[in-house]
Protein backbone atom coordinates (compact mmCIF):
# COMPACT_ATOMS: atom_id res chain seq x y z
CA MET A 1 32.87 -25.55 -37.36
CA THR A 2 30.28 -28.15 -37.63
CA THR A 3 32.52 -30.61 -36.26
CA GLY A 4 33.36 -28.55 -33.18
CA PHE A 5 29.46 -28.24 -32.72
CA ALA A 6 29.17 -31.86 -32.92
CA ALA A 7 31.92 -32.17 -30.26
CA ALA A 8 30.47 -29.91 -27.89
CA LEU A 9 27.27 -31.92 -27.61
CA GLY A 10 29.18 -34.86 -26.38
CA THR A 11 27.30 -38.49 -26.16
CA TRP A 12 23.81 -36.94 -26.46
CA ARG A 13 22.65 -39.86 -28.76
CA ASP A 14 23.06 -42.14 -25.58
CA ARG A 15 20.04 -40.59 -23.72
CA ARG A 16 16.58 -41.88 -23.91
CA GLY A 17 13.63 -40.04 -25.57
CA PRO A 18 12.81 -38.72 -29.08
CA LEU A 19 15.96 -37.40 -30.70
CA ALA A 20 14.72 -33.99 -31.37
CA GLN A 21 14.16 -33.47 -27.54
CA THR A 22 17.48 -35.10 -26.70
CA LEU A 23 19.37 -32.98 -29.31
CA ALA A 24 17.67 -29.73 -27.93
CA ALA A 25 18.64 -30.61 -24.35
CA ALA A 26 22.29 -31.38 -25.31
CA VAL A 27 22.46 -27.98 -27.00
CA ARG A 28 21.04 -26.24 -23.85
CA GLU A 29 23.34 -28.05 -21.50
CA ALA A 30 26.32 -27.20 -23.78
CA VAL A 31 25.59 -23.45 -23.67
CA VAL A 32 24.99 -23.51 -19.87
CA ASP A 33 28.47 -25.59 -19.51
CA GLY A 34 30.19 -22.97 -21.61
CA ARG A 35 31.15 -25.88 -24.23
CA LEU A 36 29.03 -23.95 -26.79
CA PRO A 37 29.36 -20.09 -26.35
CA ALA A 38 26.39 -17.86 -26.53
CA GLY A 39 26.58 -15.95 -29.84
CA THR A 40 27.72 -19.23 -31.73
CA ARG A 41 26.38 -19.34 -35.28
CA LEU A 42 24.99 -22.60 -36.11
CA PRO A 43 25.56 -24.61 -39.31
CA SER A 44 23.03 -24.94 -41.82
CA GLU A 45 20.13 -27.43 -41.02
CA ARG A 46 21.32 -29.91 -44.02
CA GLU A 47 25.07 -29.65 -42.55
CA LEU A 48 23.79 -30.66 -39.05
CA ALA A 49 21.85 -33.47 -40.30
CA ARG A 50 24.71 -34.83 -42.32
CA VAL A 51 27.25 -34.48 -39.45
CA LEU A 52 24.83 -35.53 -36.71
CA ASP A 53 23.73 -38.61 -38.76
CA ILE A 54 20.03 -37.74 -38.21
CA SER A 55 17.23 -36.59 -40.66
CA ARG A 56 16.76 -32.93 -41.53
CA GLY A 57 13.37 -33.24 -39.95
CA THR A 58 14.76 -34.11 -36.45
CA VAL A 59 17.12 -31.05 -36.59
CA VAL A 60 14.34 -28.73 -37.84
CA ALA A 61 12.09 -30.03 -34.87
CA ALA A 62 15.04 -29.59 -32.44
CA LEU A 63 15.91 -26.21 -33.42
CA ALA A 64 12.12 -25.06 -33.05
CA LEU A 65 12.18 -26.30 -29.71
CA LEU A 66 15.33 -24.31 -28.81
CA ARG A 67 13.82 -21.27 -30.52
CA ASP A 68 10.28 -21.55 -28.84
CA ASP A 69 12.21 -21.91 -25.48
CA GLY A 70 14.36 -18.73 -26.03
CA TRP A 71 17.71 -20.58 -26.67
CA LEU A 72 18.19 -19.70 -30.28
CA HIS A 73 17.56 -16.51 -32.46
CA THR A 74 16.99 -17.04 -35.86
CA ARG A 75 17.13 -13.98 -38.44
CA HIS A 76 16.19 -14.58 -42.11
CA GLY A 77 19.28 -14.68 -44.34
CA SER A 78 21.80 -14.62 -41.37
CA GLY A 79 21.21 -17.98 -39.55
CA SER A 80 20.73 -18.96 -36.11
CA LEU A 81 22.68 -17.95 -33.09
CA VAL A 82 22.68 -19.76 -29.64
CA ARG A 83 21.87 -17.29 -26.78
CA LEU A 84 20.81 -17.66 -23.07
CA PRO A 85 17.01 -17.01 -22.83
CA ALA A 86 15.69 -13.94 -21.18
CA ARG A 87 14.43 -15.92 -18.15
CA LEU A 88 18.13 -16.51 -17.28
CA THR A 89 19.42 -13.33 -18.01
CA GLU A 90 16.46 -10.99 -16.75
CA ARG A 91 16.32 -12.02 -13.29
CA THR A 92 17.63 -11.13 -9.72
CA THR A 93 19.01 -14.47 -8.41
CA PRO A 94 21.39 -17.13 -9.98
CA TRP A 95 19.16 -19.71 -12.17
CA SER A 96 20.87 -22.35 -10.63
CA LEU A 97 19.33 -22.03 -7.35
CA ASP A 98 15.96 -23.06 -9.08
CA ARG A 99 17.30 -26.48 -9.31
CA GLY A 100 18.88 -26.46 -5.70
CA GLY A 101 22.04 -24.93 -4.43
CA ALA A 102 22.24 -26.75 -0.96
CA GLY A 103 23.12 -30.37 -1.79
CA ASP A 104 20.04 -32.51 -2.27
CA ALA A 105 17.52 -29.79 -2.33
CA ASP A 106 15.25 -29.06 -5.32
CA LEU A 107 14.74 -25.42 -3.87
CA ASP A 108 17.35 -23.47 -2.22
CA LEU A 109 16.23 -20.49 -0.18
CA THR A 110 19.17 -20.24 1.93
CA LEU A 111 21.05 -17.64 0.17
CA ALA A 112 20.38 -14.07 -0.65
CA LEU A 113 22.32 -13.91 -3.75
CA THR A 114 22.07 -11.70 -6.69
CA ALA A 115 22.61 -12.41 -10.25
CA ALA A 116 24.62 -10.25 -12.60
CA PRO A 117 22.76 -7.51 -14.31
CA HIS A 118 23.51 -9.62 -17.76
CA GLU A 119 23.83 -7.01 -20.45
CA ALA A 120 25.20 -4.29 -18.26
CA TYR A 121 27.89 -6.71 -16.85
CA LEU A 122 29.06 -8.10 -20.41
CA THR A 123 29.35 -4.29 -21.61
CA ALA A 124 31.45 -3.49 -18.53
CA LEU A 125 33.61 -6.69 -19.21
CA GLY A 126 34.23 -5.47 -22.85
CA ARG A 127 35.04 -2.04 -21.65
CA ALA A 128 37.22 -3.30 -19.05
CA ALA A 129 39.11 -5.39 -21.39
CA GLU A 130 39.64 -2.29 -23.87
CA ARG A 131 41.27 -0.59 -20.61
CA SER A 132 43.44 -3.27 -19.51
CA ALA A 133 46.52 -2.52 -21.86
CA ALA A 134 48.23 -0.17 -19.44
CA LEU A 135 47.59 -2.90 -16.66
CA LEU A 136 49.34 -5.41 -18.50
CA VAL A 137 52.65 -3.80 -18.45
CA ASP A 138 52.69 -3.12 -14.91
CA SER A 139 53.32 -5.80 -11.97
CA GLY A 140 49.85 -6.52 -11.11
CA ILE A 141 50.73 -6.66 -7.48
CA ALA A 142 48.38 -5.79 -4.79
CA THR A 143 47.89 -1.97 -4.08
CA ALA A 144 45.13 0.09 -2.12
CA GLY A 145 43.13 -0.37 -5.43
CA LEU A 146 43.28 0.96 -8.81
CA PRO A 147 43.11 4.73 -8.65
CA ARG A 148 40.08 5.03 -10.85
CA LEU A 149 37.94 2.91 -8.63
CA ARG A 150 39.09 4.60 -5.47
CA GLU A 151 38.31 7.92 -7.01
CA LEU A 152 34.85 6.72 -7.96
CA LEU A 153 33.99 5.30 -4.68
CA ALA A 154 35.38 8.46 -2.64
CA ASP A 155 33.18 10.61 -5.18
CA ARG A 156 30.11 8.66 -4.50
CA TYR A 157 30.78 9.12 -0.55
CA THR A 158 31.17 12.85 -0.97
CA ARG A 159 27.93 13.15 -3.20
CA GLU A 160 25.95 11.31 -0.52
CA GLY A 161 27.14 13.97 2.20
CA LEU A 162 30.37 12.25 3.70
CA ALA A 163 33.33 14.10 2.32
CA THR A 164 36.07 11.54 1.15
CA ARG A 165 39.16 11.42 -0.52
CA PRO A 166 40.69 8.63 -2.62
CA GLU A 167 43.34 7.92 -0.06
CA GLN A 168 40.77 7.12 2.37
CA ILE A 169 39.48 4.01 0.24
CA LEU A 170 40.93 0.65 0.29
CA VAL A 171 39.64 -1.77 -2.22
CA THR A 172 39.30 -5.45 -0.99
CA SER A 173 38.11 -8.71 -2.27
CA GLY A 174 34.59 -8.35 -0.79
CA ALA A 175 33.06 -6.95 2.47
CA GLN A 176 34.09 -9.86 4.40
CA ALA A 177 37.59 -9.55 3.34
CA ALA A 178 37.29 -6.13 4.79
CA LEU A 179 36.21 -7.19 7.90
CA THR A 180 39.03 -9.75 8.10
CA LEU A 181 41.42 -6.99 7.43
CA LEU A 182 40.05 -4.51 9.86
CA LEU A 183 39.76 -7.08 12.77
CA ASP A 184 43.22 -8.19 12.28
CA HIS A 185 44.20 -4.36 12.78
CA LEU A 186 41.57 -3.46 15.52
CA HIS A 187 40.88 -6.41 17.63
CA THR A 188 43.92 -6.78 19.55
CA ASP A 189 42.75 -7.07 22.96
CA ARG A 190 40.94 -10.51 22.76
CA ARG A 191 39.76 -9.93 26.75
CA ARG A 192 37.44 -7.24 25.37
CA PRO A 193 33.94 -8.56 23.49
CA VAL A 194 33.01 -7.14 20.15
CA ALA A 195 29.45 -5.93 20.14
CA VAL A 196 27.26 -7.45 17.31
CA GLU A 197 23.77 -7.23 16.31
CA SER A 198 21.47 -10.16 17.35
CA PRO A 199 20.29 -11.27 14.67
CA SER A 200 23.35 -10.58 12.42
CA TYR A 201 24.95 -11.82 8.97
CA PRO A 202 26.22 -15.33 9.71
CA GLY A 203 29.24 -14.68 7.44
CA ALA A 204 30.48 -11.94 9.76
CA LEU A 205 29.64 -13.84 12.73
CA ALA A 206 31.86 -16.56 11.26
CA VAL A 207 34.60 -14.13 10.69
CA LEU A 208 34.55 -12.99 14.32
CA ARG A 209 34.26 -16.44 15.52
CA ALA A 210 37.35 -17.48 13.54
CA ARG A 211 39.43 -14.95 15.33
CA LYS A 212 38.05 -16.20 18.71
CA ALA A 213 36.18 -12.89 19.34
CA ARG A 214 33.70 -12.86 22.52
CA LEU A 215 30.33 -11.88 20.97
CA LEU A 216 28.39 -9.11 22.70
CA PRO A 217 24.80 -9.37 21.33
CA VAL A 218 22.75 -6.40 20.74
CA PRO A 219 19.26 -6.82 19.95
CA VAL A 220 17.79 -5.41 16.66
CA THR A 221 14.16 -6.03 15.50
CA SER A 222 12.25 -5.53 12.10
CA ASP A 223 9.88 -3.10 13.54
CA ALA A 224 11.63 -1.45 16.57
CA GLY A 225 15.33 -1.38 15.17
CA TRP A 226 18.15 -0.86 17.33
CA ASP A 227 18.00 -0.94 21.14
CA THR A 228 20.35 1.88 21.78
CA ALA A 229 19.92 2.13 25.55
CA HIS A 230 20.83 -1.57 25.63
CA LEU A 231 23.91 -0.96 23.52
CA ALA A 232 24.97 2.08 25.59
CA THR A 233 24.44 0.07 28.80
CA ALA A 234 26.59 -2.88 27.18
CA VAL A 235 29.38 -0.29 26.14
CA ARG A 236 29.36 1.00 29.85
CA THR A 237 29.36 -2.27 31.62
CA ARG A 238 31.21 -4.76 29.36
CA GLU A 239 33.62 -2.25 27.88
CA PRO A 240 33.67 -3.30 24.14
CA ARG A 241 36.08 -1.40 21.95
CA LEU A 242 34.47 -2.43 18.59
CA ALA A 243 31.01 -3.00 17.06
CA TYR A 244 29.88 -4.52 13.89
CA LEU A 245 26.61 -3.11 12.73
CA ILE A 246 24.61 -3.27 9.31
CA PRO A 247 22.61 0.18 9.62
CA ASP A 248 21.05 -0.11 6.07
CA PHE A 249 18.40 -2.64 5.75
CA GLN A 250 20.03 -4.91 8.23
CA ASN A 251 20.51 -8.63 7.29
CA PRO A 252 18.29 -10.40 8.08
CA THR A 253 15.67 -8.09 9.75
CA GLY A 254 15.63 -5.30 7.12
CA ALA A 255 15.62 -2.81 9.83
CA HIS A 256 16.96 0.71 8.64
CA MET A 257 18.47 2.94 11.13
CA ASP A 258 17.06 6.48 11.52
CA ALA A 259 19.39 9.39 11.35
CA ALA A 260 19.00 10.05 15.24
CA THR A 261 19.94 6.41 16.10
CA ARG A 262 22.96 6.81 13.75
CA ALA A 263 24.12 9.92 15.53
CA GLU A 264 23.53 8.38 18.93
CA ILE A 265 25.80 5.44 18.09
CA ALA A 266 28.39 7.63 16.57
CA ARG A 267 28.87 9.25 19.81
CA LEU A 268 29.56 6.05 21.90
CA PRO A 269 33.18 5.48 23.04
CA LEU A 270 33.95 2.49 20.64
CA THR A 271 34.84 1.99 17.08
CA VAL A 272 32.08 0.97 14.84
CA ILE A 273 32.42 -1.09 11.63
CA ALA A 274 29.36 -0.21 9.40
CA ASP A 275 28.44 -2.59 7.06
CA GLU A 276 26.71 -0.87 4.13
CA THR A 277 26.65 -3.84 1.71
CA MET A 278 22.81 -3.31 1.27
CA ARG A 279 22.67 0.49 1.38
CA ASP A 280 22.04 0.69 -2.32
CA LEU A 281 19.03 -1.91 -2.09
CA ASP A 282 16.53 0.52 -1.03
CA LEU A 283 13.28 -0.36 -2.24
CA ARG A 284 11.16 2.44 -1.37
CA THR A 285 9.34 4.11 -4.35
CA ARG A 286 11.40 7.27 -3.53
CA PRO A 287 14.77 6.11 -2.00
CA GLY A 288 15.69 7.96 1.03
CA THR A 289 18.45 10.07 1.81
CA GLU A 290 19.54 8.92 5.42
CA PRO A 291 23.17 9.88 6.05
CA HIS A 292 25.69 7.48 6.65
CA LEU A 293 26.53 5.95 9.79
CA ALA A 294 29.61 8.13 10.47
CA GLY A 295 31.93 9.98 12.88
CA PRO A 296 35.65 10.14 14.09
CA ARG A 297 35.49 6.18 15.21
CA VAL A 298 33.05 4.91 12.42
CA ILE A 299 34.71 2.95 9.41
CA GLN A 300 32.41 2.04 6.63
CA ILE A 301 32.77 -1.39 4.49
CA GLY A 302 31.02 -1.86 1.33
CA SER A 303 30.75 -4.49 -1.44
CA ALA A 304 29.45 -4.87 -5.11
CA SER A 305 28.41 -8.55 -4.29
CA LYS A 306 24.85 -7.66 -3.36
CA THR A 307 24.38 -4.53 -5.63
CA VAL A 308 25.66 -6.03 -8.69
CA TRP A 309 26.59 -9.61 -8.44
CA SER A 310 27.69 -12.27 -5.93
CA GLY A 311 30.70 -13.28 -8.44
CA LEU A 312 32.05 -9.79 -8.59
CA ARG A 313 34.52 -10.07 -5.53
CA VAL A 314 35.15 -6.37 -4.99
CA GLY A 315 34.63 -4.52 -1.70
CA TRP A 316 36.15 -1.64 0.13
CA ILE A 317 36.80 0.21 3.32
CA ARG A 318 36.38 3.84 3.76
CA ALA A 319 38.42 5.01 6.90
CA THR A 320 41.04 7.85 7.76
CA ALA A 321 44.03 7.89 5.40
CA ASP A 322 46.07 7.10 8.53
CA VAL A 323 44.10 3.81 8.87
CA VAL A 324 44.19 2.81 5.43
CA ARG A 325 48.19 3.37 5.41
CA HIS A 326 48.17 0.98 8.44
CA LEU A 327 46.01 -1.50 6.69
CA ARG A 328 48.23 -1.52 3.68
CA GLN A 329 51.17 -2.58 5.92
CA SER A 330 49.22 -5.90 6.92
CA PRO A 331 50.40 -8.83 5.26
CA LEU A 332 47.04 -10.05 4.90
CA GLN A 333 46.25 -7.04 2.63
CA ALA A 334 47.80 -8.58 -0.41
CA GLN A 335 45.76 -11.68 0.09
CA LEU A 336 42.67 -9.93 0.54
CA SER A 337 42.90 -7.77 -2.67
CA PRO A 338 41.05 -8.18 -5.78
CA PRO A 339 42.64 -8.98 -9.07
CA PRO A 340 43.08 -5.65 -11.34
CA LEU A 341 40.59 -6.89 -13.99
CA GLU A 342 37.98 -7.49 -11.40
CA GLN A 343 38.58 -3.84 -10.37
CA LEU A 344 38.20 -2.55 -13.87
CA ILE A 345 34.83 -4.44 -14.21
CA ALA A 346 33.73 -2.99 -10.95
CA ALA A 347 34.59 0.60 -11.89
CA GLU A 348 32.72 0.37 -14.98
CA LEU A 349 29.65 -1.05 -13.24
CA LEU A 350 29.61 1.48 -10.30
CA GLY A 351 30.21 4.30 -12.79
CA ASP A 352 27.82 6.39 -14.87
CA GLY A 353 25.37 3.47 -15.60
CA LEU A 354 24.67 2.39 -11.87
CA ASP A 355 21.60 4.43 -11.27
CA GLU A 356 19.82 2.76 -14.15
CA MET A 357 20.82 -0.53 -13.35
CA LEU A 358 20.03 -0.04 -9.77
CA ALA A 359 16.30 1.31 -10.65
CA ASP A 360 15.84 -1.83 -12.66
CA ARG A 361 17.12 -4.26 -9.99
CA ARG A 362 15.02 -2.28 -7.24
CA ALA A 363 11.79 -2.68 -9.14
CA ARG A 364 12.28 -6.36 -9.57
CA LEU A 365 13.08 -6.89 -6.03
CA ARG A 366 10.24 -4.75 -4.90
CA ALA A 367 7.86 -6.79 -6.97
CA GLN A 368 9.25 -10.13 -5.60
CA ARG A 369 9.26 -8.91 -1.94
CA ASP A 370 5.56 -7.99 -2.16
CA HIS A 371 4.87 -11.22 -4.20
CA LEU A 372 6.47 -13.16 -1.14
CA ALA A 373 4.72 -11.23 1.60
CA GLY A 374 1.30 -11.95 -0.22
CA LEU A 375 1.94 -15.64 -0.42
CA LEU A 376 2.65 -15.78 3.46
CA ASP A 377 -0.87 -14.16 4.06
CA GLY A 378 -2.89 -16.64 6.24
CA THR A 379 0.11 -18.56 7.70
CA GLY A 380 -0.16 -16.95 10.92
CA TRP A 381 3.29 -15.74 10.69
CA THR A 382 4.21 -12.26 11.84
CA TYR A 383 6.67 -9.99 9.89
CA THR A 384 7.36 -6.51 8.86
CA ILE A 385 7.88 -5.79 5.17
CA PRO A 386 11.22 -4.20 4.95
CA GLN A 387 11.92 -1.05 3.08
CA GLY A 388 14.98 -2.50 1.41
CA GLY A 389 17.42 -5.47 1.36
CA LEU A 390 16.93 -8.90 0.19
CA SER A 391 14.86 -10.94 2.72
CA LEU A 392 11.85 -11.32 5.10
CA TRP A 393 12.41 -12.20 8.68
CA PRO A 394 9.07 -13.98 9.72
CA HIS A 395 8.50 -14.98 13.25
CA LEU A 396 6.47 -18.36 13.06
CA GLY A 397 4.62 -17.97 16.40
CA PRO A 398 5.62 -19.40 19.76
CA THR A 399 4.64 -23.01 19.14
CA THR A 400 6.63 -23.29 15.88
CA SER A 401 10.37 -24.11 15.91
CA ALA A 402 12.12 -22.91 12.90
CA THR A 403 14.71 -25.58 13.15
CA ASP A 404 12.06 -28.42 12.99
CA LEU A 405 10.22 -26.43 10.17
CA ALA A 406 13.50 -26.28 8.11
CA ALA A 407 14.25 -30.13 8.69
CA ARG A 408 10.42 -30.90 7.52
CA ALA A 409 10.90 -28.55 4.51
CA ALA A 410 14.34 -30.30 3.65
CA ARG A 411 12.84 -33.55 3.52
CA LEU A 412 10.44 -32.02 0.69
CA GLY A 413 13.26 -30.63 -1.24
CA LEU A 414 13.31 -27.01 0.08
CA ALA A 415 16.31 -25.68 2.01
CA VAL A 416 15.75 -22.53 4.30
CA THR A 417 17.82 -21.10 6.99
CA PRO A 418 16.28 -21.07 10.42
CA GLY A 419 16.90 -18.23 13.18
CA PRO A 420 19.67 -19.71 15.38
CA HIS A 421 22.12 -19.34 12.23
CA PHE A 422 21.86 -15.66 12.47
CA ALA A 423 22.21 -15.57 16.44
CA ALA A 424 25.43 -14.60 18.13
CA ASP A 425 24.92 -17.50 20.36
CA ARG A 426 23.81 -19.84 17.90
CA THR A 427 20.93 -21.08 20.16
CA THR A 428 18.22 -18.21 20.37
CA LEU A 429 15.90 -16.82 17.61
CA THR A 430 14.20 -20.34 17.35
CA HIS A 431 10.97 -18.98 16.05
CA HIS A 432 12.55 -16.91 13.08
CA LEU A 433 13.25 -18.01 9.50
CA ARG A 434 14.95 -15.82 6.86
CA LEU A 435 13.31 -15.98 3.44
CA PRO A 436 15.17 -14.09 0.82
CA PHE A 437 12.94 -12.68 -2.19
CA THR A 438 15.74 -12.70 -4.46
CA ALA A 439 14.24 -15.74 -6.14
CA THR A 440 11.63 -15.66 -9.12
CA PRO A 441 7.95 -15.39 -8.39
CA ASP A 442 7.41 -18.91 -9.37
CA VAL A 443 10.19 -20.29 -7.24
CA LEU A 444 8.83 -18.45 -4.16
CA SER A 445 5.27 -19.37 -4.84
CA ARG A 446 6.64 -23.18 -4.86
CA ALA A 447 8.57 -22.56 -1.71
CA VAL A 448 5.85 -21.12 0.14
CA HIS A 449 3.61 -23.95 -0.83
CA LEU A 450 5.93 -26.50 0.61
CA LEU A 451 6.47 -24.29 3.80
CA ARG A 452 2.58 -24.35 4.23
CA ARG A 453 2.57 -28.10 3.98
CA CYS A 454 5.37 -28.37 6.71
CA ALA A 455 3.70 -25.86 9.00
CA GLU A 456 -0.05 -27.12 8.68
CA PRO A 457 0.17 -29.38 11.92
CA GLU A 458 1.87 -26.62 13.93
CA VAL A 459 -0.68 -24.17 12.82
CA HIS A 460 -3.43 -26.31 13.69
CA ARG A 461 -2.21 -27.07 17.24
CA PHE A 462 -1.84 -23.39 17.85
CA VAL A 463 -5.13 -22.39 16.70
CA THR A 464 -7.19 -25.30 18.54
CA ALA A 465 -5.12 -24.46 21.58
């Protein structure tokens, strides 16, 4: 075991600096890279000193650094176990984004991603492995989804007021996969446009553009919500047969569709794909009970990627049983179906423990949202604090270009996404910026400090004018 531990550290002695610090850094990196699994029991101090050819005092000092920083747990008489510190496991965003996830950036606020609920996910993973024996004697080929997961999802819809049977559920490898499969089935007349919100989720816009869809933008704002009169007129004059909408805590505006608007949209003569990926991220102190956007021509899609973890690629379609049967006949369906073990994990996480996990996640996101909003005070930017979702959508003022601001921020090591990325036409929304509040308070504080530095000249020109 000692030899394996030493091998996992690699050529740590080639680094500059005090040996104790370089040894501690090598252990941290080995845990993060998976070369040293969390839970590994360390050899004795004496044995480590012998194998690593360093003094016992150096070993003691390195272990103390790891213990103080949360990477080591020591119990008297039982030795020491390496572990991930709480600051990495008890958070709502992947820790790698703290170090920059967009090329050369030091801080990355381009991605509204959630980290796994660490302990809950590990528990679900263990339970899924225990339940996997029956899967291993079957073919493993794509189906409409594991029966247990389809039943669980159907039951959730039914409990929320939308009666659903398991045969109305088709499991996919995420919400974008669900959208891709539906477009292949529904968007057969390329002459007709597809109605989309402006702004909207760039991933969905990319899927639509890849299918050569002509986009018909419909305004949505953080404060006023959806312009249903504009949508009704567009349906009458442009005759789209399909719309893609995000009714619950819309990405990126955070707008939340009220019951009357849902009913009005459901009556329009077109098929609506309602993306409910954000529905569970309700940050009100008392989560609301708004109905699903539903009707004879409304199809719901959902995903575990925002609610649970961006790495859990499990989504679903809720439609009529006939639509599900047609979708299963598509050659794309097998390619867009998640592996059975992923579905088992999703079933565990979306089951009985979901409410407790969501309560914790909502509390953290609520605190981070309010922290970000407080940091923006005094910038002169205007925004509506969203009731849910993962991001703020500030308007920077009439003289500030979000694209220019993002470019200046990038030169300081901060990656942010300007408004045109969310526009159906890729050119409008030039004075908006999306700022996810999934990051830790420390990262948000550093990011807004850099944004203020970038915006100072623009703010000054606006005030003096």
